[in-house]
Amino acid sequence: MRSNQKAFIGSTNVFADLGRLDADEALAKAKLAYQIAALIASAGWTQVEASRKLGIDQPKVSALLRGRLSGFSIERLFRFLNELGQDVQISIRPSGGKTARVQVMSRKSA
């Protein structure tokens, strides 16, 4: 049976494609949470061990690792990255005539 749904090429922000008004913030939080999850996984920690390191309870670590980010501000995610030994750098520059946006970039240490 055929559906009336059509496929389309999305943007680089799935949250914008879904029509979220906070698309830039949602994508930034998702990228920060991904980095936190990667650091926890690379350390081989359980959620309980991660909760001790981050100073939060285990259910909050579970929510973070599952992408349930509504209870986490960007600033709080920055603080978690700092607790995990990561520097966070914020760069502000003119948008160059394009629509201004928020972008999160990460780089692995050497």
Protein backbone atom coordinates (compact mmCIF):
# COMPACT_ATOMS: atom_id res chain seq x y z
CA MET A 1 0.00 0.00 0.00
CA ARG A 2 1.39 3.40 -0.96
CA SER A 3 1.49 6.30 1.43
CA ASN A 4 0.87 9.93 0.53
CA GLN A 5 4.02 10.90 2.39
CA LYS A 6 6.84 12.37 0.37
CA ALA A 7 10.51 12.24 1.20
CA PHE A 8 12.56 15.41 1.31
CA ILE A 9 16.16 16.36 1.79
CA GLY A 10 16.52 17.83 5.24
CA SER A 11 18.78 20.50 6.55
CA THR A 12 21.72 19.87 8.85
CA ASN A 13 19.40 20.38 11.83
CA VAL A 14 16.77 17.71 12.33
CA PHE A 15 15.06 19.87 14.96
CA ALA A 16 14.56 22.65 12.40
CA ASP A 17 13.24 20.08 9.95
CA LEU A 18 10.69 19.08 12.60
CA GLY A 19 9.64 22.72 12.97
CA ARG A 20 10.90 23.30 16.50
CA LEU A 21 11.20 26.96 17.40
CA ASP A 22 14.24 26.22 19.57
CA ALA A 23 15.98 24.17 16.86
CA ASP A 24 19.45 25.71 17.28
CA GLU A 25 19.39 25.28 21.05
CA ALA A 26 18.06 21.72 20.80
CA LEU A 27 20.80 20.74 18.35
CA ALA A 28 23.49 22.38 20.49
CA LYS A 29 22.26 20.51 23.57
CA ALA A 30 22.15 17.23 21.65
CA LYS A 31 25.73 17.68 20.46
CA LEU A 32 26.93 18.55 23.97
CA ALA A 33 25.11 15.54 25.43
CA TYR A 34 26.67 13.33 22.75
CA GLN A 35 30.15 14.49 23.79
CA ILE A 36 29.36 13.86 27.45
CA ALA A 37 28.07 10.37 26.65
CA ALA A 38 31.17 9.62 24.56
CA LEU A 39 33.45 10.69 27.42
CA ILE A 40 31.54 8.55 29.92
CA ALA A 41 31.68 5.56 27.57
CA SER A 42 35.40 6.01 26.86
CA ALA A 43 36.07 6.10 30.60
CA GLY A 44 34.11 2.85 30.97
CA TRP A 45 31.99 4.28 33.78
CA THR A 46 28.65 3.00 34.93
CA GLN A 47 25.85 5.52 35.30
CA VAL A 48 26.44 5.52 39.06
CA GLU A 49 30.14 6.30 38.57
CA ALA A 50 29.26 9.06 36.10
CA SER A 51 26.72 10.49 38.52
CA ARG A 52 29.40 10.84 41.18
CA LYS A 53 31.78 12.55 38.76
CA LEU A 54 29.07 14.95 37.49
CA GLY A 55 27.52 15.62 40.90
CA ILE A 56 24.03 14.51 39.89
CA ASP A 57 21.94 11.44 40.68
CA GLN A 58 21.90 8.33 38.49
CA PRO A 59 18.40 8.91 37.04
CA LYS A 60 19.59 12.27 35.69
CA VAL A 61 22.60 10.57 34.08
CA SER A 62 20.19 8.08 32.51
CA ALA A 63 18.04 10.91 31.14
CA LEU A 64 21.13 12.66 29.77
CA LEU A 65 22.43 9.53 28.08
CA ARG A 66 19.00 8.84 26.57
CA GLY A 67 18.75 12.33 25.09
CA ARG A 68 16.04 13.54 27.44
CA LEU A 69 17.54 16.99 27.74
CA SER A 70 14.64 19.23 28.77
CA GLY A 71 15.93 19.34 32.36
CA PHE A 72 19.43 20.40 31.30
CA SER A 73 20.49 23.91 30.33
CA ILE A 74 23.37 24.51 27.97
CA GLU A 75 25.30 26.02 30.88
CA ARG A 76 24.79 22.88 32.93
CA LEU A 77 26.03 20.72 30.06
CA PHE A 78 29.11 22.99 29.83
CA ARG A 79 29.71 22.41 33.54
CA PHE A 80 29.48 18.64 33.05
CA LEU A 81 32.07 18.84 30.26
CA ASN A 82 34.35 20.80 32.59
CA GLU A 83 33.90 18.12 35.28
CA LEU A 84 34.98 15.58 32.65
CA GLY A 85 38.21 17.52 32.00
CA GLN A 86 37.10 19.33 28.86
CA ASP A 87 37.56 23.00 28.05
CA VAL A 88 34.55 24.75 26.54
CA GLN A 89 35.22 27.69 24.24
CA ILE A 90 32.53 30.08 23.04
CA SER A 91 33.25 31.99 19.86
CA ILE A 92 31.17 34.92 18.61
CA ARG A 93 31.53 36.26 15.09
CA PRO A 94 29.45 38.13 12.49
CA SER A 95 27.10 35.90 10.55
CA GLY A 96 28.39 37.20 7.20
CA GLY A 97 24.95 38.18 5.94
CA LYS A 98 23.54 34.69 6.48
CA THR A 99 20.97 33.84 9.07
CA ALA A 100 22.67 33.87 12.46
CA ARG A 101 22.91 30.48 14.15
CA VAL A 102 24.30 28.59 17.10
CA GLN A 103 26.84 25.89 16.35
CA VAL A 104 28.65 23.36 18.53
CA MET A 105 31.94 21.97 17.31
CA SER A 106 34.19 19.53 19.10
CA ARG A 107 37.71 18.34 18.59
CA LYS A 108 39.46 15.36 20.05
CA SER A 109 42.62 16.00 21.99
CA ALA A 110 45.89 14.92 20.47
